[in-house]
């Protein structure tokens, strides 16, 4: 089983990067070992009713102890790279206290990749903010942006150019809007104004961190990872088209546009001036510092209509879905990034840093036939190919995820991995999707 990409596909180029991705809180476990501090997600999980089934980050995939075998598996499957994230509470468990054991763990992990010929791509922030910063207001507190810059300086000083690519943030939409506006993720606040202010401080932290990162790792690529769920109108009515356009301005371009132009979208400012964040003089120049790449995380699209008393309203579709209930619509990925190319003259090179499907197929007779996921990857790789053929500079693709893991507010109920994890025994079982990637990568390398 492999993917249906033609021999001339640009994804067959040897310089097109294929990797897998994980996130620290979702896979590491060991939340109280070797001096790690508490994160806002530890506290959130411990709060009744916040996470499905009361699940938490222990033991997750025990990647903290099993990383050598996990890296062996990535190598055996034929991937080029591993995108991982660094747990801020392991590095700085108390304010201004830098934990040697935390640095040592990521030293070993990065060296382990290099020894196996895997290219390390690190994300500095994948949502696990130290709890002591959460108690000071988290990302609503402007000071957190400066504390992030200090943390990014320390990490990149230690890991340096051994890491080929650094992303400052993963999905600030989630760590701002889901966390402070909608209350779904830690810390679980529900206030529109706080969500927009947190978004600004996250992007400010990104910009503040970049100069030290470039100084510490001058040969590495430095960028950011944003998530996008492009909106489509439920009907061809003018009102629904306007609703979809505004959804994209608020949820996509509010995060991308300031990075590339130094300005938040005017559509959001005009419609909701009361929600616009407090911006200090000079902030926007910091936000728009040059980046070497844009990481694009894509899973599905949204279909919206003009809502009564709200800017837009989601419309459920009678369509093929993944097991988490997200519509499968790969055309949206092509249209999303070709649209970015048309809108932004200074769009940097793109990596698809997450793409994948929840397919909860279990092990039967030692195998996992996750056919839904295989078809999902096949169609989305074709979508990437179509975008490249239309002139978009896409340089790599990271499958989400290497293995089943803690899926945030969904706990352990959803499986996104190409490798099955038995959470009781920690046994790893590569799925049909892992074999499809392995066959494809083996075939590519033989050309």
Protein backbone atom coordinates (compact mmCIF):
# COMPACT_ATOMS: atom_id res chain seq x y z
CA UNK A 1 0.00 0.00 0.00
CA UNK A 2 1.37 3.38 -1.00
CA UNK A 3 0.18 6.78 -2.13
CA UNK A 4 -1.11 7.56 -5.61
CA UNK A 5 1.31 10.29 -6.62
CA UNK A 6 2.70 10.31 -10.16
CA UNK A 7 6.35 9.78 -10.96
CA UNK A 8 6.69 13.46 -11.89
CA UNK A 9 5.24 14.68 -8.57
CA UNK A 10 7.31 17.47 -6.98
CA UNK A 11 6.94 15.59 -3.70
CA UNK A 12 9.32 12.99 -5.10
CA UNK A 13 12.21 15.45 -5.15
CA UNK A 14 14.97 14.43 -2.78
CA UNK A 15 15.02 17.94 -1.30
CA UNK A 16 11.31 17.79 -0.39
CA UNK A 17 11.26 17.04 3.34
CA UNK A 18 9.05 14.36 4.88
CA UNK A 19 8.71 14.13 8.64
CA UNK A 20 6.47 13.25 11.54
CA UNK A 21 5.43 15.50 14.40
CA UNK A 22 4.61 15.30 18.11
CA UNK A 23 4.19 17.73 21.03
CA UNK A 24 5.83 17.51 24.44
CA UNK A 25 2.76 17.41 26.69
CA UNK A 26 1.00 14.98 24.37
CA UNK A 27 3.73 12.33 24.31
CA UNK A 28 6.41 12.79 26.97
CA UNK A 29 4.71 11.86 30.25
CA UNK A 30 7.15 12.09 33.19
CA UNK A 31 5.38 15.26 34.28
CA UNK A 32 6.97 15.20 37.75
CA UNK A 33 10.42 13.83 36.90
CA UNK A 34 13.85 15.47 36.79
CA UNK A 35 12.74 18.83 38.12
CA UNK A 36 9.94 19.54 35.64
CA UNK A 37 7.55 22.20 36.87
CA UNK A 38 3.77 22.29 36.62
CA UNK A 39 2.18 23.56 33.41
CA UNK A 40 -1.21 25.13 32.83
CA UNK A 41 -2.24 21.87 31.20
CA UNK A 42 -1.35 19.87 34.31
CA UNK A 43 -3.63 22.18 36.29
CA UNK A 44 -6.35 22.14 33.62
CA UNK A 45 -6.38 18.33 33.52
CA UNK A 46 -6.69 18.24 37.31
CA UNK A 47 -9.79 20.46 37.16
CA UNK A 48 -12.95 18.28 37.04
CA UNK A 49 -14.93 18.50 33.82
CA UNK A 50 -12.24 20.09 31.69
CA UNK A 51 -10.78 17.03 29.93
CA UNK A 52 -12.78 14.07 28.66
CA UNK A 53 -12.78 11.15 31.10
CA UNK A 54 -10.55 13.10 33.47
CA UNK A 55 -7.51 12.13 31.40
CA UNK A 56 -4.17 13.84 31.92
CA UNK A 57 -0.61 13.93 30.59
CA UNK A 58 0.48 10.78 32.44
CA UNK A 59 1.81 8.57 31.15
CA UNK A 60 0.96 9.75 27.63
CA UNK A 61 3.36 7.79 25.39
CA UNK A 62 6.24 7.75 27.91
CA UNK A 63 8.35 9.32 25.18
CA UNK A 64 10.56 10.82 27.88
CA UNK A 65 11.94 7.35 28.56
CA UNK A 66 11.26 5.58 25.26
CA UNK A 67 12.62 8.20 22.87
CA UNK A 68 15.52 6.05 21.55
CA UNK A 69 13.14 3.36 20.30
CA UNK A 70 10.76 6.01 18.96
CA UNK A 71 13.57 7.63 16.98
CA UNK A 72 14.59 4.20 15.69
CA UNK A 73 11.03 3.74 14.46
CA UNK A 74 11.00 7.11 12.67
CA UNK A 75 14.23 6.13 10.95
CA UNK A 76 12.99 2.64 10.07
CA UNK A 77 9.89 4.10 8.44
CA UNK A 78 12.13 6.19 6.20
CA UNK A 79 11.26 9.73 7.30
CA UNK A 80 13.74 12.57 6.90
CA UNK A 81 12.85 14.63 9.96
CA UNK A 82 11.20 14.77 13.35
CA UNK A 83 9.27 17.82 14.49
CA UNK A 84 9.12 17.83 18.29
CA UNK A 85 8.35 20.46 20.90
CA UNK A 86 10.17 21.55 24.03
CA UNK A 87 8.37 21.66 27.37
CA UNK A 88 8.95 25.10 28.86
CA UNK A 89 8.28 23.78 32.42
CA UNK A 90 11.16 21.30 32.01
CA UNK A 91 13.52 24.13 31.11
CA UNK A 92 12.32 26.81 33.54
CA UNK A 93 10.35 25.11 36.34
CA UNK A 94 10.46 28.25 38.50
CA UNK A 95 10.90 31.87 37.46
CA UNK A 96 14.50 32.39 36.41
CA UNK A 97 15.52 28.86 37.46
CA UNK A 98 17.05 26.96 34.55
CA UNK A 99 16.86 23.20 34.98
CA UNK A 100 19.99 21.29 33.84
CA UNK A 101 18.06 18.01 33.58
CA UNK A 102 15.59 19.61 31.19
CA UNK A 103 18.32 20.85 28.89
CA UNK A 104 20.04 17.47 29.10
CA UNK A 105 16.92 15.64 27.94
CA UNK A 106 16.59 17.72 24.78
CA UNK A 107 20.34 17.51 24.21
CA UNK A 108 20.05 13.73 24.16
CA UNK A 109 16.95 13.82 21.97
CA UNK A 110 18.53 16.11 19.36
CA UNK A 111 21.82 14.21 19.37
CA UNK A 112 19.85 10.99 18.99
CA UNK A 113 18.21 12.33 15.85
CA UNK A 114 21.50 13.44 14.37
CA UNK A 115 23.10 10.06 15.10
CA UNK A 116 20.29 8.42 13.13
CA UNK A 117 20.44 10.86 10.23
CA UNK A 118 17.14 12.51 11.18
CA UNK A 119 16.75 16.27 10.83
CA UNK A 120 15.57 17.97 14.05
CA UNK A 121 12.81 20.59 13.83
CA UNK A 122 11.94 22.10 17.21
CA UNK A 123 8.86 24.01 18.34
CA UNK A 124 9.58 26.17 21.36
CA UNK A 125 6.00 26.60 22.54
CA UNK A 126 3.26 24.02 22.05
CA UNK A 127 0.83 25.27 24.72
CA UNK A 128 2.39 23.95 27.96
CA UNK A 129 2.95 27.32 29.65
CA UNK A 130 4.50 27.14 33.15
CA UNK A 131 1.72 27.36 35.73
CA UNK A 132 3.45 30.18 37.62
CA UNK A 133 3.08 32.33 34.49
CA UNK A 134 -0.52 31.22 34.19
CA UNK A 135 -1.13 32.51 37.69
CA UNK A 136 0.23 35.89 36.63
CA UNK A 137 -2.29 36.15 33.80
CA UNK A 138 -0.71 33.87 31.24
CA UNK A 139 -0.68 35.30 27.74
CA UNK A 140 -3.04 38.11 28.73
CA UNK A 141 -0.09 39.51 30.72
CA UNK A 142 2.29 41.36 28.40
CA UNK A 143 5.24 40.28 30.52
CA UNK A 144 4.77 36.67 29.37
CA UNK A 145 5.98 37.69 25.89
CA UNK A 146 9.27 38.84 27.41
CA UNK A 147 9.59 35.72 29.54
CA UNK A 148 9.10 33.66 26.38
CA UNK A 149 11.90 35.55 24.65
CA UNK A 150 14.21 34.77 27.58
CA UNK A 151 13.27 31.08 27.43
CA UNK A 152 13.77 30.95 23.63
CA UNK A 153 17.20 32.54 24.10
CA UNK A 154 18.26 29.87 26.61
CA UNK A 155 17.01 26.94 24.54
CA UNK A 156 18.52 28.06 21.24
CA UNK A 157 21.78 28.94 22.98
CA UNK A 158 21.96 25.34 24.19
CA UNK A 159 20.78 23.51 21.07
CA UNK A 160 22.16 25.96 18.51
CA UNK A 161 22.56 24.88 14.91
CA UNK A 162 22.12 21.22 15.75
CA UNK A 163 18.43 21.97 15.18
CA UNK A 164 17.75 22.73 11.52
CA UNK A 165 14.51 24.62 12.05
CA UNK A 166 12.98 26.43 15.02
CA UNK A 167 9.33 27.44 15.25
CA UNK A 168 8.61 29.95 17.99
CA UNK A 169 4.94 29.06 18.49
CA UNK A 170 2.56 26.32 17.50
CA UNK A 171 -0.95 27.48 16.63
CA UNK A 172 -1.31 30.74 18.57
CA UNK A 173 -4.98 30.76 17.50
CA UNK A 174 -5.47 27.80 19.83
CA UNK A 175 -3.42 29.18 22.72
CA UNK A 176 -5.27 32.51 22.44
CA UNK A 177 -8.81 31.91 21.18
CA UNK A 178 -9.43 28.33 22.38
CA UNK A 179 -7.77 29.09 25.70
CA UNK A 180 -8.88 32.61 26.64
CA UNK A 181 -11.86 33.31 24.37
CA UNK A 182 -13.75 30.02 24.06
CA UNK A 183 -12.64 28.25 27.25
CA UNK A 184 -11.97 24.89 25.60
CA UNK A 185 -8.22 24.72 26.33
CA UNK A 186 -6.12 25.67 29.32
CA UNK A 187 -6.58 27.93 31.22
CA UNK A 188 -10.23 27.76 30.16
CA UNK A 189 -11.24 31.44 30.19
CA UNK A 190 -14.17 32.77 28.15
CA UNK A 191 -13.75 36.41 27.24
CA UNK A 192 -13.50 37.78 23.70
CA UNK A 193 -11.33 40.70 24.72
CA UNK A 194 -8.87 38.46 26.58
CA UNK A 195 -8.60 36.18 23.55
CA UNK A 196 -7.55 38.99 21.24
CA UNK A 197 -5.13 40.43 23.79
CA UNK A 198 -3.54 37.00 24.31
CA UNK A 199 -3.16 36.69 20.53
CA UNK A 200 -1.21 39.94 20.37
CA UNK A 201 1.08 38.96 23.23
CA UNK A 202 1.79 35.58 21.66
CA UNK A 203 2.78 37.21 18.38
CA UNK A 204 4.79 39.80 20.29
CA UNK A 205 6.66 37.02 22.08
CA UNK A 206 7.43 35.46 18.69
CA UNK A 207 8.92 38.71 17.41
CA UNK A 208 10.83 39.43 20.60
CA UNK A 209 12.45 35.98 20.52
CA UNK A 210 13.72 36.05 16.93
CA UNK A 211 16.90 38.19 17.30
CA UNK A 212 18.43 36.00 20.02
CA UNK A 213 17.37 32.85 18.17
CA UNK A 214 19.14 34.01 15.03
CA UNK A 215 22.22 34.97 17.02
CA UNK A 216 22.35 31.59 18.79
CA UNK A 217 21.57 29.46 15.72
CA UNK A 218 22.61 31.48 12.65
CA UNK A 219 22.49 28.51 10.29
CA UNK A 220 19.03 27.33 11.34
CA UNK A 221 15.71 28.35 9.82
CA UNK A 222 13.46 30.39 12.11
CA UNK A 223 9.70 30.66 11.69
CA UNK A 224 6.29 30.11 13.22
CA UNK A 225 3.49 27.54 12.89
CA UNK A 226 -0.09 28.73 12.37
CA UNK A 227 -3.25 26.66 12.05
CA UNK A 228 -5.91 27.37 9.47
CA UNK A 229 -9.50 26.22 9.04
CA UNK A 230 -10.59 28.15 5.96
CA UNK A 231 -14.24 29.16 5.82
CA UNK A 232 -16.61 28.49 2.93
CA UNK A 233 -20.09 30.04 2.59
CA UNK A 234 -23.01 27.71 3.21
CA UNK A 235 -24.86 29.27 0.27
CA UNK A 236 -24.01 31.67 -2.52
CA UNK A 237 -25.89 34.49 -0.81
CA UNK A 238 -24.04 37.75 -0.28
CA UNK A 239 -24.55 37.51 3.48
CA UNK A 240 -23.04 34.03 3.70
CA UNK A 241 -20.09 35.00 1.50
CA UNK A 242 -19.42 37.99 3.75
CA UNK A 243 -19.68 35.75 6.83
CA UNK A 244 -17.08 33.35 5.40
CA UNK A 245 -14.78 36.20 4.42
CA UNK A 246 -14.98 37.69 7.91
CA UNK A 247 -14.34 34.30 9.54
CA UNK A 248 -11.10 34.04 7.57
CA UNK A 249 -10.08 37.59 8.50
CA UNK A 250 -10.63 36.91 12.21
CA UNK A 251 -9.31 33.37 12.48
CA UNK A 252 -6.59 33.19 9.82
CA UNK A 253 -5.40 36.61 8.71
CA UNK A 254 -5.52 38.10 12.21
CA UNK A 255 -2.53 35.84 12.91
CA UNK A 256 -0.77 35.82 9.54
CA UNK A 257 -1.24 39.37 8.28
CA UNK A 258 0.57 41.19 11.14
CA UNK A 259 3.57 38.88 10.72
CA UNK A 260 3.92 39.81 7.06
CA UNK A 261 2.62 43.39 6.93
CA UNK A 262 2.76 44.74 10.48
CA UNK A 263 -0.99 45.38 10.52
CA UNK A 264 -4.02 43.56 11.86
CA UNK A 265 -6.87 43.06 9.35
CA UNK A 266 -8.93 46.18 8.87
CA UNK A 267 -12.12 44.10 8.63
CA UNK A 268 -11.71 43.01 12.25
CA UNK A 269 -10.85 46.50 13.40
CA UNK A 270 -13.89 47.99 11.71
CA UNK A 271 -16.37 45.38 12.89
CA UNK A 272 -15.08 44.97 16.44
CA UNK A 273 -12.97 47.92 17.53
CA UNK A 274 -13.81 47.04 21.13
CA UNK A 275 -11.96 43.72 20.79
CA UNK A 276 -8.75 45.01 19.29
CA UNK A 277 -5.77 44.40 21.58
CA UNK A 278 -3.76 47.05 23.33
CA UNK A 279 -0.72 47.63 21.12
CA UNK A 280 2.29 49.61 22.32
CA UNK A 281 4.32 51.82 19.98
CA UNK A 282 6.86 49.68 18.13
CA UNK A 283 5.00 46.40 18.70
CA UNK A 284 4.05 45.90 15.08
CA UNK A 285 7.60 46.36 13.88
CA UNK A 286 8.61 43.59 16.28
CA UNK A 287 5.82 41.31 15.04
CA UNK A 288 6.78 41.60 11.38
CA UNK A 289 10.43 40.62 11.72
CA UNK A 290 11.47 38.41 8.84
CA UNK A 291 10.79 34.69 9.11
CA UNK A 292 12.44 31.97 7.05
CA UNK A 293 9.36 29.77 6.82
CA UNK A 294 5.67 29.58 7.62
CA UNK A 295 4.44 26.35 9.13
CA UNK A 296 0.88 25.54 8.03
CA UNK A 297 -1.24 23.17 10.11
CA UNK A 298 -4.35 22.01 8.27
CA UNK A 299 -7.01 19.43 9.07
CA UNK A 300 -10.39 20.54 7.73
CA UNK A 301 -12.49 23.45 6.53
CA UNK A 302 -15.41 25.34 8.08
CA UNK A 303 -18.73 25.98 6.36
CA UNK A 304 -20.48 29.03 7.75
CA UNK A 305 -23.54 31.20 7.29
CA UNK A 306 -24.45 34.66 8.49
CA UNK A 307 -25.49 34.23 12.11
CA UNK A 308 -28.22 35.99 14.00
CA UNK A 309 -26.51 38.16 16.58
CA UNK A 310 -23.08 36.79 15.63
CA UNK A 311 -20.60 37.31 12.83
CA UNK A 312 -20.82 33.78 11.46
CA UNK A 313 -22.30 30.43 12.40
CA UNK A 314 -20.99 26.97 11.57
CA UNK A 315 -23.19 24.78 9.37
CA UNK A 316 -22.72 21.00 9.78
CA UNK A 317 -22.14 19.16 6.54
CA UNK A 318 -23.45 15.79 5.43
CA UNK A 319 -20.04 14.71 4.21
CA UNK A 320 -17.24 12.25 4.81
CA UNK A 321 -15.66 12.87 8.23
CA UNK A 322 -12.78 11.67 10.33
CA UNK A 323 -13.62 10.00 13.64
CA UNK A 324 -13.42 13.29 15.54
CA UNK A 325 -16.16 14.66 13.30
CA UNK A 326 -14.09 16.90 11.01
CA UNK A 327 -15.05 17.02 7.34
CA UNK A 328 -12.52 15.65 4.86
CA UNK A 329 -12.05 18.34 2.24
CA UNK A 330 -8.48 18.35 0.86
CA UNK A 331 -9.25 20.92 -1.86
CA UNK A 332 -9.31 23.51 0.91
CA UNK A 333 -5.60 22.99 1.57
CA UNK A 334 -4.71 23.77 -2.04
CA UNK A 335 -6.99 26.80 -2.10
CA UNK A 336 -5.73 28.03 1.26
CA UNK A 337 -2.06 28.25 0.42
CA UNK A 338 -2.53 29.38 -3.19
CA UNK A 339 -4.68 32.14 -1.70
CA UNK A 340 -1.83 33.13 0.60
CA UNK A 341 0.49 33.33 -2.40
CA UNK A 342 -1.94 35.66 -4.16
CA UNK A 343 -2.52 37.87 -1.11
CA UNK A 344 0.99 38.23 0.32
CA UNK A 345 3.84 39.27 -1.94
CA UNK A 346 6.37 38.44 0.80
CA UNK A 347 4.98 35.01 1.70
CA UNK A 348 7.91 32.91 2.94
CA UNK A 349 8.47 29.26 2.01
CA UNK A 350 5.86 26.95 3.50
CA UNK A 351 6.14 23.69 5.37
CA UNK A 352 2.99 21.69 6.04
CA UNK A 353 3.84 21.16 9.70
CA UNK A 354 0.73 19.20 10.66
CA UNK A 355 -1.80 17.29 8.63
CA UNK A 356 -3.61 14.16 9.66
CA UNK A 357 -6.81 12.42 10.64
CA UNK A 358 -8.44 10.90 13.69
CA UNK A 359 -9.03 7.24 12.81
CA UNK A 360 -9.74 5.19 15.91
CA UNK A 361 -9.31 1.78 14.29
CA UNK A 362 -7.88 -0.63 16.86
CA UNK A 363 -5.40 -3.50 16.62
CA UNK A 364 -6.73 -6.73 15.15
CA UNK A 365 -4.44 -9.74 14.90
CA UNK A 366 -1.42 -7.51 15.33
CA UNK A 367 -2.37 -5.04 12.61
CA UNK A 368 -4.20 -1.72 12.36
CA UNK A 369 -5.96 -1.19 9.04
CA UNK A 370 -6.57 2.55 9.28
CA UNK A 371 -7.82 2.86 5.73
CA UNK A 372 -9.58 6.17 6.38
CA UNK A 373 -6.27 7.75 7.40
CA UNK A 374 -4.40 6.27 4.43
CA UNK A 375 -6.95 7.76 2.04
CA UNK A 376 -6.84 11.08 3.91
CA UNK A 377 -3.07 11.34 3.55
CA UNK A 378 -3.19 10.30 -0.08
CA UNK A 379 -5.69 13.02 -0.97
CA UNK A 380 -3.93 15.73 1.04
CA UNK A 381 -0.52 14.95 -0.42
CA UNK A 382 -2.14 15.38 -3.82
CA UNK A 383 -3.52 18.72 -2.58
CA UNK A 384 0.01 19.81 -1.67
CA UNK A 385 1.21 18.72 -5.10
CA UNK A 386 -1.50 20.79 -6.79
CA UNK A 387 -0.46 23.87 -4.80
CA UNK A 388 3.19 23.45 -5.80
CA UNK A 389 2.15 23.08 -9.42
CA UNK A 390 0.38 26.45 -9.07
CA UNK A 391 3.58 28.12 -7.89
CA UNK A 392 3.43 27.86 -4.10
CA UNK A 393 6.85 27.27 -2.51
CA UNK A 394 6.14 24.24 -0.29
CA UNK A 395 9.29 22.56 0.95
CA UNK A 396 8.15 19.83 3.29
CA UNK A 397 5.34 17.87 4.91
CA UNK A 398 5.05 16.59 8.48
CA UNK A 399 2.40 13.99 9.24
CA UNK A 400 0.46 14.42 12.47
CA UNK A 401 1.20 12.40 14.37
CA UNK A 402 3.98 9.90 14.83
CA UNK A 403 1.88 8.04 17.37
CA UNK A 404 -1.43 8.11 19.20
CA UNK A 405 -1.26 10.49 22.14
CA UNK A 406 -3.04 12.76 24.61
CA UNK A 407 -5.41 14.79 22.46
CA UNK A 408 -5.87 17.80 24.76
CA UNK A 409 -9.50 18.31 25.86
CA UNK A 410 -10.42 15.04 24.10
CA UNK A 411 -8.08 13.10 26.38
CA UNK A 412 -7.10 9.72 24.95
CA UNK A 413 -10.36 9.28 23.04
CA UNK A 414 -9.01 10.22 19.61
CA UNK A 415 -6.15 8.51 17.78
CA UNK A 416 -4.18 10.61 15.29
CA UNK A 417 -1.03 8.47 15.11
CA UNK A 418 0.39 6.48 12.25
CA UNK A 419 1.67 4.24 15.04
CA UNK A 420 -0.79 2.72 17.50
CA UNK A 421 0.00 3.05 21.20
CA UNK A 422 -1.39 0.68 23.81
CA UNK A 423 -1.46 3.09 26.75
CA UNK A 424 -1.34 0.29 29.34
CA UNK A 425 1.65 -1.56 27.91
CA UNK A 426 3.13 1.27 25.81
CA UNK A 427 3.49 -1.17 22.92
CA UNK A 428 3.89 0.56 19.55
CA UNK A 429 2.23 -0.99 16.49
CA UNK A 430 2.82 0.69 13.10
CA UNK A 431 -0.47 1.06 11.26
CA UNK A 432 -1.27 0.69 7.58
CA UNK A 433 -0.72 4.45 7.26
CA UNK A 434 2.83 4.06 8.59
CA UNK A 435 3.45 1.34 6.02
CA UNK A 436 2.01 3.54 3.26
CA UNK A 437 4.46 6.30 4.15
CA UNK A 438 7.30 3.79 4.42
CA UNK A 439 6.54 2.32 1.00
CA UNK A 440 6.22 5.77 -0.56
CA UNK A 441 9.46 7.02 0.97
CA UNK A 442 11.30 3.85 -0.01
CA UNK A 443 10.01 4.13 -3.57
CA UNK A 444 11.00 7.82 -3.67
CA UNK A 445 14.52 7.14 -2.43
CA UNK A 446 14.97 4.48 -5.09
CA UNK A 447 14.24 6.83 -7.96
